[in-house]
């Protein structure tokens, strides 16, 4: 669909035109659902993300500015919803439990396994402290095995920005995880990378 046509439909939908709203959904739902599946990896979660995305978008149609693509706005909204879910349900416990369930090799002692758990928990705590978009890039890349190209499409940013976020985030997470293991206090969400 041409960009001008899409924003014309958005304007009509914002005025309450039911046909325009239906057109918006029919035109974008397949791509939005695929994005939600890539982000969540579960059909029921993807369905919920799609529904919540449309609810938020339709609630804000009258405030949208016709800059960029409407589909990009949908993708950012869906990504933000997933980030909110990740904030509420941090992956630390799940990853730590997976590590704990691992069979010990003969040369791997219980103390080694405990060290691994501590290091992994520190890494995930450091990831949680990243700013939202770099954190999304890290989680998509490492937890969901998405390529930089896929992440740039999902987050609607240039590929180079994704690579920069990943590079900087790796360094920041490494430094912060080491500080956590030394017992330094938490910085709080979204503080890593902000100027002091």
N, C-alpha and C. Protein backbone atom coordinates (compact mmCIF):
# COMPACT_ATOMS: atom_id res chain seq x y z
N UNK A 1 0.85 -1.18 0.00
CA UNK A 1 0.00 0.00 0.00
C UNK A 1 0.89 1.23 0.00
N UNK A 2 0.56 2.21 -0.78
CA UNK A 2 1.35 3.43 -0.88
C UNK A 2 1.26 4.20 0.43
N UNK A 3 2.35 4.91 0.77
CA UNK A 3 2.42 5.62 2.05
C UNK A 3 1.30 6.64 2.19
N UNK A 4 1.04 7.44 1.13
CA UNK A 4 0.01 8.48 1.19
C UNK A 4 -1.37 7.86 1.44
N UNK A 5 -1.63 6.74 0.77
CA UNK A 5 -2.91 6.06 0.95
C UNK A 5 -3.05 5.57 2.39
N UNK A 6 -1.98 5.01 2.94
CA UNK A 6 -2.03 4.50 4.31
C UNK A 6 -2.39 5.61 5.27
N UNK A 7 -1.77 6.79 5.15
CA UNK A 7 -2.06 7.87 6.09
C UNK A 7 -3.44 8.45 5.84
N UNK A 8 -3.93 8.38 4.59
CA UNK A 8 -5.29 8.81 4.33
C UNK A 8 -6.27 7.89 5.07
N UNK A 9 -6.01 6.60 5.03
CA UNK A 9 -6.86 5.65 5.74
C UNK A 9 -6.77 5.89 7.25
N UNK A 10 -5.56 6.17 7.75
CA UNK A 10 -5.38 6.45 9.19
C UNK A 10 -6.22 7.66 9.59
N UNK A 11 -6.20 8.71 8.77
CA UNK A 11 -6.97 9.91 9.09
C UNK A 11 -8.47 9.60 9.12
N UNK A 12 -8.93 8.80 8.15
CA UNK A 12 -10.36 8.44 8.14
C UNK A 12 -10.70 7.58 9.35
N UNK A 13 -9.79 6.65 9.70
CA UNK A 13 -10.03 5.79 10.87
C UNK A 13 -10.06 6.62 12.15
N UNK A 14 -9.23 7.65 12.23
CA UNK A 14 -9.19 8.51 13.41
C UNK A 14 -10.51 9.28 13.56
N UNK A 15 -11.20 9.54 12.45
CA UNK A 15 -12.50 10.23 12.50
C UNK A 15 -13.64 9.27 12.81
N UNK A 16 -13.31 7.97 13.01
CA UNK A 16 -14.35 6.99 13.38
C UNK A 16 -14.88 6.16 12.24
N UNK A 17 -14.28 6.23 11.06
CA UNK A 17 -14.72 5.46 9.91
C UNK A 17 -14.41 3.97 10.14
N UNK A 18 -15.45 3.16 10.33
CA UNK A 18 -15.28 1.73 10.63
C UNK A 18 -14.63 0.99 9.45
N UNK A 19 -14.98 1.38 8.22
CA UNK A 19 -14.38 0.73 7.04
C UNK A 19 -12.88 0.99 6.99
N UNK A 20 -12.47 2.22 7.33
CA UNK A 20 -11.04 2.55 7.32
C UNK A 20 -10.30 1.75 8.38
N UNK A 21 -10.91 1.59 9.54
CA UNK A 21 -10.28 0.78 10.60
C UNK A 21 -10.11 -0.66 10.15
N UNK A 22 -11.17 -1.19 9.52
CA UNK A 22 -11.10 -2.56 9.03
C UNK A 22 -10.01 -2.69 7.97
N UNK A 23 -9.89 -1.69 7.07
CA UNK A 23 -8.84 -1.70 6.05
C UNK A 23 -7.45 -1.69 6.68
N UNK A 24 -7.28 -0.86 7.72
CA UNK A 24 -5.98 -0.81 8.40
C UNK A 24 -5.61 -2.18 8.96
N UNK A 25 -6.56 -2.81 9.62
CA UNK A 25 -6.28 -4.13 10.21
C UNK A 25 -6.01 -5.15 9.12
N UNK A 26 -6.86 -5.21 8.11
CA UNK A 26 -6.70 -6.21 7.04
C UNK A 26 -5.37 -6.04 6.30
N UNK A 27 -4.93 -4.79 6.15
CA UNK A 27 -3.70 -4.52 5.41
C UNK A 27 -2.45 -4.86 6.22
N UNK A 28 -2.53 -4.74 7.53
CA UNK A 28 -1.31 -4.85 8.36
C UNK A 28 -1.25 -6.08 9.27
N UNK A 29 -2.35 -6.80 9.42
CA UNK A 29 -2.39 -7.83 10.46
C UNK A 29 -1.40 -8.98 10.21
N UNK A 30 -1.20 -9.38 8.97
CA UNK A 30 -0.29 -10.51 8.70
C UNK A 30 1.14 -10.16 9.11
N UNK A 31 1.61 -8.98 8.69
CA UNK A 31 2.98 -8.58 9.04
C UNK A 31 3.12 -8.37 10.54
N UNK A 32 2.10 -7.77 11.16
CA UNK A 32 2.15 -7.54 12.60
C UNK A 32 2.17 -8.86 13.36
N UNK A 33 1.38 -9.83 12.93
CA UNK A 33 1.35 -11.12 13.62
C UNK A 33 2.70 -11.83 13.47
N UNK A 34 3.30 -11.76 12.28
CA UNK A 34 4.62 -12.39 12.09
C UNK A 34 5.65 -11.75 13.00
N UNK A 35 5.62 -10.42 13.12
CA UNK A 35 6.53 -9.72 14.02
C UNK A 35 6.30 -10.17 15.46
N UNK A 36 5.05 -10.22 15.88
CA UNK A 36 4.73 -10.64 17.25
C UNK A 36 5.22 -12.06 17.51
N UNK A 37 5.11 -12.93 16.51
CA UNK A 37 5.62 -14.31 16.67
C UNK A 37 7.13 -14.32 16.78
N UNK A 38 7.83 -13.50 15.99
CA UNK A 38 9.29 -13.45 16.08
C UNK A 38 9.72 -12.94 17.45
N UNK A 39 8.96 -11.99 18.00
CA UNK A 39 9.33 -11.42 19.29
C UNK A 39 8.99 -12.35 20.46
N UNK A 40 7.87 -13.05 20.37
CA UNK A 40 7.40 -13.83 21.52
C UNK A 40 7.65 -15.33 21.40
N UNK A 41 7.69 -15.83 20.18
CA UNK A 41 7.90 -17.26 19.92
C UNK A 41 6.74 -18.15 20.38
N UNK A 42 5.59 -17.57 20.72
CA UNK A 42 4.43 -18.35 21.15
C UNK A 42 3.18 -17.76 20.51
N UNK A 43 2.34 -18.63 19.95
CA UNK A 43 1.15 -18.15 19.24
C UNK A 43 0.21 -17.38 20.15
N UNK A 44 -0.04 -17.90 21.36
CA UNK A 44 -0.99 -17.21 22.23
C UNK A 44 -0.45 -15.84 22.65
N UNK A 45 0.86 -15.74 22.90
CA UNK A 45 1.46 -14.44 23.22
C UNK A 45 1.40 -13.51 22.02
N UNK A 46 1.65 -14.05 20.83
CA UNK A 46 1.60 -13.23 19.62
C UNK A 46 0.20 -12.68 19.41
N UNK A 47 -0.82 -13.51 19.62
CA UNK A 47 -2.21 -13.04 19.48
C UNK A 47 -2.49 -11.89 20.45
N UNK A 48 -2.03 -12.05 21.69
CA UNK A 48 -2.25 -11.01 22.70
C UNK A 48 -1.53 -9.72 22.31
N UNK A 49 -0.29 -9.85 21.83
CA UNK A 49 0.49 -8.67 21.43
C UNK A 49 -0.21 -7.94 20.28
N UNK A 50 -0.72 -8.69 19.31
CA UNK A 50 -1.42 -8.07 18.17
C UNK A 50 -2.65 -7.31 18.66
N UNK A 51 -3.44 -7.96 19.53
CA UNK A 51 -4.65 -7.30 20.03
C UNK A 51 -4.31 -6.03 20.82
N UNK A 52 -3.32 -6.13 21.71
CA UNK A 52 -2.93 -4.97 22.51
C UNK A 52 -2.35 -3.86 21.64
N UNK A 53 -1.62 -4.24 20.59
CA UNK A 53 -1.05 -3.24 19.68
C UNK A 53 -2.15 -2.46 19.00
N UNK A 54 -3.14 -3.17 18.43
CA UNK A 54 -4.24 -2.46 17.78
C UNK A 54 -5.03 -1.62 18.77
N UNK A 55 -5.21 -2.11 19.98
CA UNK A 55 -5.93 -1.32 21.00
C UNK A 55 -5.20 -0.01 21.26
N UNK A 56 -3.88 -0.09 21.45
CA UNK A 56 -3.10 1.13 21.71
C UNK A 56 -3.10 2.07 20.50
N UNK A 57 -2.91 1.49 19.33
CA UNK A 57 -2.82 2.31 18.11
C UNK A 57 -4.15 3.00 17.84
N UNK A 58 -5.25 2.25 17.92
CA UNK A 58 -6.55 2.86 17.65
C UNK A 58 -6.90 3.90 18.71
N UNK A 59 -6.37 3.74 19.92
CA UNK A 59 -6.60 4.75 20.96
C UNK A 59 -5.82 6.03 20.72
N UNK A 60 -4.81 5.96 19.86
CA UNK A 60 -3.95 7.14 19.63
C UNK A 60 -3.98 7.61 18.18
N UNK A 61 -4.90 7.12 17.37
CA UNK A 61 -4.93 7.48 15.95
C UNK A 61 -5.00 8.99 15.72
N UNK A 62 -5.78 9.69 16.54
CA UNK A 62 -5.94 11.12 16.33
C UNK A 62 -4.69 11.91 16.68
N UNK A 63 -3.74 11.28 17.41
CA UNK A 63 -2.50 11.97 17.79
C UNK A 63 -1.32 11.60 16.89
N UNK A 64 -1.49 10.66 15.99
CA UNK A 64 -0.38 10.22 15.13
C UNK A 64 -0.03 11.31 14.12
N UNK A 65 1.27 11.46 13.92
CA UNK A 65 1.76 12.40 12.91
C UNK A 65 2.13 11.60 11.66
N UNK A 66 1.76 12.07 10.47
CA UNK A 66 2.03 11.31 9.25
C UNK A 66 3.50 11.39 8.83
N UNK A 67 4.38 10.90 9.69
CA UNK A 67 5.80 10.83 9.34
C UNK A 67 6.18 9.36 9.32
N UNK A 68 6.95 8.96 8.34
CA UNK A 68 7.34 7.56 8.23
C UNK A 68 6.18 6.70 7.76
N UNK A 69 6.30 5.41 8.03
CA UNK A 69 5.28 4.46 7.60
C UNK A 69 4.40 4.08 8.79
N UNK A 70 3.13 3.91 8.54
CA UNK A 70 2.20 3.49 9.59
C UNK A 70 2.61 2.12 10.13
N UNK A 71 3.09 1.25 9.24
CA UNK A 71 3.51 -0.08 9.66
C UNK A 71 4.67 0.00 10.66
N UNK A 72 5.55 0.99 10.48
CA UNK A 72 6.64 1.19 11.43
C UNK A 72 6.13 1.57 12.80
N UNK A 73 5.07 2.39 12.83
CA UNK A 73 4.47 2.76 14.10
C UNK A 73 3.89 1.52 14.79
N UNK A 74 3.22 0.68 14.02
CA UNK A 74 2.68 -0.57 14.57
C UNK A 74 3.81 -1.44 15.13
N UNK A 75 4.91 -1.56 14.38
CA UNK A 75 6.03 -2.40 14.82
C UNK A 75 6.64 -1.85 16.10
N UNK A 76 6.82 -0.54 16.20
CA UNK A 76 7.37 0.05 17.43
C UNK A 76 6.45 -0.18 18.61
N UNK A 77 5.14 -0.05 18.39
CA UNK A 77 4.18 -0.26 19.47
C UNK A 77 4.23 -1.71 19.94
N UNK A 78 4.26 -2.65 19.00
CA UNK A 78 4.34 -4.07 19.38
C UNK A 78 5.63 -4.37 20.13
N UNK A 79 6.74 -3.80 19.65
CA UNK A 79 8.03 -4.01 20.31
C UNK A 79 8.01 -3.45 21.72
N UNK A 80 7.43 -2.28 21.90
CA UNK A 80 7.33 -1.69 23.24
C UNK A 80 6.49 -2.55 24.17
N UNK A 81 5.43 -3.14 23.64
CA UNK A 81 4.61 -4.04 24.46
C UNK A 81 5.42 -5.26 24.92
N UNK A 82 6.21 -5.81 24.00
CA UNK A 82 7.05 -6.96 24.36
C UNK A 82 8.09 -6.55 25.40
N UNK A 83 8.68 -5.37 25.23
CA UNK A 83 9.66 -4.89 26.21
C UNK A 83 9.01 -4.74 27.59
N UNK A 84 7.79 -4.24 27.62
CA UNK A 84 7.09 -4.13 28.90
C UNK A 84 6.90 -5.50 29.53
N UNK A 85 6.55 -6.50 28.71
CA UNK A 85 6.39 -7.86 29.23
C UNK A 85 7.72 -8.40 29.76
N UNK A 86 8.82 -8.13 29.03
CA UNK A 86 10.13 -8.59 29.48
C UNK A 86 10.52 -7.93 30.79
N UNK A 87 10.15 -6.66 30.95
CA UNK A 87 10.45 -5.99 32.22
C UNK A 87 9.69 -6.63 33.37
N UNK A 88 8.44 -6.98 33.12
CA UNK A 88 7.63 -7.59 34.18
C UNK A 88 8.07 -9.02 34.49
N UNK A 89 8.51 -9.73 33.46
CA UNK A 89 8.89 -11.15 33.62
C UNK A 89 10.33 -11.30 33.19
N UNK A 90 11.23 -10.89 34.05
CA UNK A 90 12.66 -10.95 33.73
C UNK A 90 13.07 -12.39 33.45
N UNK A 91 13.95 -12.62 32.48
CA UNK A 91 14.35 -13.97 32.11
C UNK A 91 15.34 -14.61 33.08
N UNK A 92 15.78 -13.90 34.10
CA UNK A 92 16.83 -14.40 34.99
C UNK A 92 16.49 -15.75 35.58
N UNK A 93 15.30 -15.87 36.15
CA UNK A 93 14.94 -17.11 36.85
C UNK A 93 14.90 -18.28 35.89
N UNK A 94 14.28 -18.07 34.73
CA UNK A 94 14.17 -19.16 33.76
C UNK A 94 15.54 -19.63 33.29
N UNK A 95 16.41 -18.68 32.95
CA UNK A 95 17.74 -19.04 32.46
C UNK A 95 18.54 -19.72 33.57
N UNK A 96 18.43 -19.20 34.80
CA UNK A 96 19.15 -19.79 35.91
C UNK A 96 18.66 -21.21 36.19
N UNK A 97 17.33 -21.43 36.11
CA UNK A 97 16.80 -22.77 36.33
C UNK A 97 17.29 -23.73 35.25
N UNK A 98 17.36 -23.24 34.01
CA UNK A 98 17.86 -24.08 32.93
C UNK A 98 19.30 -24.49 33.20
N UNK A 99 20.10 -23.55 33.64
CA UNK A 99 21.49 -23.85 33.96
C UNK A 99 21.58 -24.82 35.13
N UNK A 100 20.72 -24.63 36.14
CA UNK A 100 20.75 -25.50 37.32
C UNK A 100 20.38 -26.94 36.95
N UNK A 101 19.52 -27.09 35.95
CA UNK A 101 19.07 -28.42 35.55
C UNK A 101 20.10 -29.15 34.69
N UNK A 102 21.13 -28.44 34.27
CA UNK A 102 22.15 -29.03 33.41
C UNK A 102 22.87 -30.15 34.14
N UNK A 103 23.17 -31.21 33.43
CA UNK A 103 23.92 -32.31 34.01
C UNK A 103 25.36 -31.89 34.18
N UNK A 104 25.91 -32.16 35.35
CA UNK A 104 27.31 -31.81 35.61
C UNK A 104 28.23 -32.79 34.90
N UNK A 105 29.24 -32.26 34.26
CA UNK A 105 30.28 -33.09 33.68
C UNK A 105 31.16 -33.59 34.83
N UNK A 106 31.88 -34.68 34.64
CA UNK A 106 32.70 -35.21 35.74
C UNK A 106 33.72 -34.21 36.28
N UNK A 107 34.23 -33.33 35.43
CA UNK A 107 35.24 -32.36 35.87
C UNK A 107 34.59 -31.07 36.38
N UNK A 108 33.27 -30.97 36.29
CA UNK A 108 32.54 -29.76 36.67
C UNK A 108 31.97 -29.97 38.08
N UNK A 109 32.47 -29.21 39.03
CA UNK A 109 32.04 -29.40 40.41
C UNK A 109 30.76 -28.61 40.70
N UNK A 110 30.16 -28.88 41.85
CA UNK A 110 28.98 -28.13 42.27
C UNK A 110 29.34 -26.65 42.45
N UNK A 111 30.53 -26.38 42.95
CA UNK A 111 30.98 -24.99 43.11
C UNK A 111 31.09 -24.30 41.74
N UNK A 112 31.56 -25.03 40.72
CA UNK A 112 31.62 -24.47 39.38
C UNK A 112 30.23 -24.12 38.87
N UNK A 113 29.26 -25.02 39.12
CA UNK A 113 27.88 -24.77 38.68
C UNK A 113 27.31 -23.55 39.39
N UNK A 114 27.60 -23.40 40.67
CA UNK A 114 27.11 -22.24 41.42
C UNK A 114 27.75 -20.95 40.89
N UNK A 115 29.04 -21.00 40.56
CA UNK A 115 29.70 -19.84 39.95
C UNK A 115 29.05 -19.48 38.62
N UNK A 116 28.74 -20.51 37.83
CA UNK A 116 28.06 -20.27 36.55
C UNK A 116 26.71 -19.59 36.76
N UNK A 117 25.95 -20.07 37.74
CA UNK A 117 24.64 -19.49 38.03
C UNK A 117 24.78 -18.02 38.45
N UNK A 118 25.74 -17.74 39.31
CA UNK A 118 25.96 -16.36 39.76
C UNK A 118 26.34 -15.45 38.59
N UNK A 119 27.25 -15.94 37.73
CA UNK A 119 27.68 -15.13 36.58
C UNK A 119 26.51 -14.87 35.63
N UNK A 120 25.73 -15.91 35.37
CA UNK A 120 24.60 -15.77 34.46
C UNK A 120 23.55 -14.81 35.03
N UNK A 121 23.27 -14.91 36.31
CA UNK A 121 22.31 -14.00 36.95
C UNK A 121 22.83 -12.56 36.88
N UNK A 122 24.13 -12.38 37.06
CA UNK A 122 24.72 -11.03 36.97
C UNK A 122 24.61 -10.48 35.55
N UNK A 123 24.82 -11.32 34.56
CA UNK A 123 24.70 -10.88 33.17
C UNK A 123 23.26 -10.44 32.88
N UNK A 124 22.28 -11.26 33.28
CA UNK A 124 20.89 -10.90 33.01
C UNK A 124 20.47 -9.66 33.79
N UNK A 125 20.98 -9.50 35.01
CA UNK A 125 20.69 -8.28 35.77
C UNK A 125 21.26 -7.06 35.05
N UNK A 126 22.46 -7.20 34.49
CA UNK A 126 23.08 -6.10 33.75
C UNK A 126 22.30 -5.80 32.46
N UNK A 127 21.82 -6.83 31.79
CA UNK A 127 21.00 -6.63 30.59
C UNK A 127 19.73 -5.86 30.94
N UNK A 128 19.14 -6.21 32.08
CA UNK A 128 17.91 -5.55 32.51
C UNK A 128 18.12 -4.05 32.75
N UNK A 129 19.35 -3.64 33.07
CA UNK A 129 19.64 -2.24 33.34
C UNK A 129 19.91 -1.42 32.08
N UNK A 130 19.99 -2.08 30.92
CA UNK A 130 20.20 -1.33 29.67
C UNK A 130 18.98 -0.48 29.34
N UNK A 131 19.19 0.55 28.52
CA UNK A 131 18.07 1.34 28.04
C UNK A 131 17.16 0.44 27.19
N UNK A 132 15.87 0.77 27.05
CA UNK A 132 14.92 -0.15 26.42
C UNK A 132 15.29 -0.63 25.02
N UNK A 133 15.66 0.26 24.10
CA UNK A 133 15.92 -0.21 22.74
C UNK A 133 17.19 -1.05 22.64
N UNK A 134 18.31 -0.65 23.25
CA UNK A 134 19.47 -1.55 23.23
C UNK A 134 19.17 -2.89 23.91
N UNK A 135 18.37 -2.86 24.99
CA UNK A 135 18.01 -4.11 25.66
C UNK A 135 17.20 -5.00 24.72
N UNK A 136 16.27 -4.40 23.97
CA UNK A 136 15.50 -5.18 23.00
C UNK A 136 16.41 -5.80 21.96
N UNK A 137 17.38 -5.02 21.46
CA UNK A 137 18.32 -5.55 20.46
C UNK A 137 19.11 -6.71 21.03
N UNK A 138 19.60 -6.58 22.27
CA UNK A 138 20.37 -7.66 22.91
C UNK A 138 19.51 -8.91 23.07
N UNK A 139 18.29 -8.74 23.55
CA UNK A 139 17.42 -9.89 23.77
C UNK A 139 17.03 -10.56 22.46
N UNK A 140 16.73 -9.75 21.44
CA UNK A 140 16.40 -10.34 20.14
C UNK A 140 17.58 -11.09 19.55
N UNK A 141 18.79 -10.54 19.71
CA UNK A 141 19.99 -11.14 19.12
C UNK A 141 20.40 -12.41 19.88
N UNK A 142 20.49 -12.31 21.21
CA UNK A 142 21.02 -13.43 21.99
C UNK A 142 19.96 -14.42 22.46
N UNK A 143 18.78 -13.94 22.85
CA UNK A 143 17.77 -14.85 23.38
C UNK A 143 16.87 -15.42 22.28
N UNK A 144 16.70 -14.66 21.18
CA UNK A 144 15.81 -15.11 20.12
C UNK A 144 16.52 -15.36 18.80
N UNK A 145 17.84 -15.27 18.78
CA UNK A 145 18.66 -15.60 17.61
C UNK A 145 18.25 -14.85 16.34
N UNK A 146 17.87 -13.58 16.49
CA UNK A 146 17.51 -12.76 15.33
C UNK A 146 18.78 -12.14 14.75
N UNK A 147 18.81 -11.97 13.43
CA UNK A 147 19.95 -11.32 12.78
C UNK A 147 19.85 -9.81 12.98
N UNK A 148 20.95 -9.11 12.71
CA UNK A 148 20.95 -7.64 12.81
C UNK A 148 19.95 -7.04 11.84
N UNK A 149 19.84 -7.63 10.63
CA UNK A 149 18.87 -7.14 9.65
C UNK A 149 17.44 -7.28 10.18
N UNK A 150 17.14 -8.44 10.76
CA UNK A 150 15.79 -8.67 11.30
C UNK A 150 15.50 -7.71 12.45
N UNK A 151 16.50 -7.50 13.31
CA UNK A 151 16.31 -6.60 14.45
C UNK A 151 16.08 -5.17 13.96
N UNK A 152 16.82 -4.76 12.93
CA UNK A 152 16.63 -3.40 12.41
C UNK A 152 15.22 -3.21 11.87
N UNK A 153 14.66 -4.26 11.25
CA UNK A 153 13.28 -4.17 10.76
C UNK A 153 12.30 -4.16 11.93
N UNK A 154 12.54 -5.01 12.92
CA UNK A 154 11.64 -5.09 14.08
C UNK A 154 11.60 -3.79 14.85
N UNK A 155 12.78 -3.21 15.11
CA UNK A 155 12.86 -1.99 15.90
C UNK A 155 12.75 -0.72 15.06
N UNK A 156 12.70 -0.90 13.73
CA UNK A 156 12.55 0.22 12.80
C UNK A 156 13.68 1.24 12.96
N UNK A 157 14.92 0.71 12.97
CA UNK A 157 16.12 1.56 13.03
C UNK A 157 17.11 1.03 12.00
N UNK A 158 18.11 1.85 11.62
CA UNK A 158 19.11 1.36 10.66
C UNK A 158 19.92 0.19 11.22
N UNK A 159 20.41 -0.65 10.31
CA UNK A 159 21.21 -1.81 10.67
C UNK A 159 22.45 -1.39 11.48
N UNK A 160 23.08 -0.28 11.08
CA UNK A 160 24.26 0.20 11.79
C UNK A 160 23.96 0.56 13.23
N UNK A 161 22.77 1.08 13.48
CA UNK A 161 22.37 1.41 14.85
C UNK A 161 22.27 0.16 15.70
N UNK A 162 21.71 -0.90 15.13
CA UNK A 162 21.60 -2.18 15.85
C UNK A 162 23.00 -2.69 16.20
N UNK A 163 23.91 -2.66 15.23
CA UNK A 163 25.27 -3.14 15.48
C UNK A 163 25.97 -2.31 16.56
N UNK A 164 25.75 -0.99 16.53
CA UNK A 164 26.33 -0.12 17.56
C UNK A 164 25.76 -0.46 18.93
N UNK A 165 24.43 -0.63 19.01
CA UNK A 165 23.81 -1.00 20.29
C UNK A 165 24.38 -2.31 20.81
N UNK A 166 24.51 -3.30 19.94
CA UNK A 166 25.02 -4.61 20.38
C UNK A 166 26.46 -4.48 20.87
N UNK A 167 27.29 -3.75 20.14
CA UNK A 167 28.69 -3.59 20.52
C UNK A 167 28.80 -2.89 21.87
N UNK A 168 28.13 -1.75 22.00
CA UNK A 168 28.19 -1.00 23.26
C UNK A 168 27.57 -1.79 24.41
N UNK A 169 26.46 -2.45 24.13
CA UNK A 169 25.78 -3.21 25.18
C UNK A 169 26.64 -4.35 25.70
N UNK A 170 27.36 -5.04 24.80
CA UNK A 170 28.25 -6.13 25.25
C UNK A 170 29.26 -5.59 26.25
N UNK A 171 29.88 -4.46 25.93
CA UNK A 171 30.87 -3.87 26.84
C UNK A 171 30.23 -3.43 28.15
N UNK A 172 29.07 -2.77 28.05
CA UNK A 172 28.39 -2.29 29.25
C UNK A 172 27.93 -3.45 30.14
N UNK A 173 27.39 -4.50 29.51
CA UNK A 173 26.92 -5.65 30.29
C UNK A 173 28.10 -6.35 30.95
N UNK A 174 29.20 -6.49 30.23
CA UNK A 174 30.38 -7.13 30.81
C UNK A 174 30.87 -6.36 32.05
N UNK A 175 31.01 -5.04 31.90
CA UNK A 175 31.48 -4.22 33.02
C UNK A 175 30.50 -4.24 34.18
N UNK A 176 29.20 -4.11 33.88
CA UNK A 176 28.20 -4.07 34.95
C UNK A 176 28.08 -5.43 35.65
N UNK A 177 28.15 -6.53 34.88
CA UNK A 177 28.07 -7.87 35.49
C UNK A 177 29.25 -8.08 36.43
N UNK A 178 30.44 -7.62 36.03
CA UNK A 178 31.60 -7.74 36.91
C UNK A 178 31.39 -6.93 38.19
N UNK A 179 30.80 -5.74 38.06
CA UNK A 179 30.52 -4.91 39.24
C UNK A 179 29.49 -5.59 40.15
N UNK A 180 28.48 -6.20 39.55
CA UNK A 180 27.46 -6.92 40.34
C UNK A 180 28.11 -8.07 41.11
N UNK A 181 28.99 -8.80 40.44
CA UNK A 181 29.67 -9.92 41.09
C UNK A 181 30.59 -9.45 42.22
N UNK A 182 31.10 -8.21 42.10
CA UNK A 182 31.91 -7.64 43.18
C UNK A 182 31.05 -7.10 44.31
N UNK A 183 29.72 -7.09 44.11
CA UNK A 183 28.81 -6.65 45.15
C UNK A 183 28.47 -5.19 45.13
N UNK A 184 28.73 -4.51 44.00
CA UNK A 184 28.38 -3.09 43.91
C UNK A 184 26.86 -2.96 43.74
N UNK A 185 26.26 -1.89 44.27
CA UNK A 185 24.79 -1.75 44.22
C UNK A 185 24.27 -1.58 42.80
N UNK A 186 23.00 -1.96 42.63
CA UNK A 186 22.36 -1.86 41.32
C UNK A 186 22.17 -0.40 40.94
N UNK A 187 22.24 -0.14 39.63
CA UNK A 187 22.04 1.21 39.11
C UNK A 187 20.57 1.53 38.94
N UNK A 188 19.74 0.50 38.78
CA UNK A 188 18.32 0.73 38.49
C UNK A 188 18.09 0.64 37.00
N UNK A 189 16.84 0.43 36.58
CA UNK A 189 16.53 0.24 35.16
C UNK A 189 16.92 1.45 34.33
N UNK A 190 17.37 1.18 33.13
CA UNK A 190 17.67 2.15 32.07
C UNK A 190 18.74 3.16 32.44
N UNK A 191 19.64 2.83 33.36
CA UNK A 191 20.69 3.78 33.71
C UNK A 191 22.00 3.50 33.01
N UNK A 192 22.24 2.28 32.60
CA UNK A 192 23.50 1.98 31.92
C UNK A 192 23.54 2.77 30.62
N UNK A 193 24.63 3.43 30.39
CA UNK A 193 24.83 4.16 29.16
C UNK A 193 24.39 5.60 29.22
N UNK A 194 23.72 6.01 30.30
CA UNK A 194 23.31 7.40 30.42
C UNK A 194 24.44 8.23 31.00
N UNK A 195 24.57 9.48 30.58
CA UNK A 195 25.65 10.31 31.11
C UNK A 195 25.48 10.55 32.59
N UNK A 196 26.59 10.60 33.29
CA UNK A 196 26.55 10.82 34.75
C UNK A 196 26.79 12.28 35.05
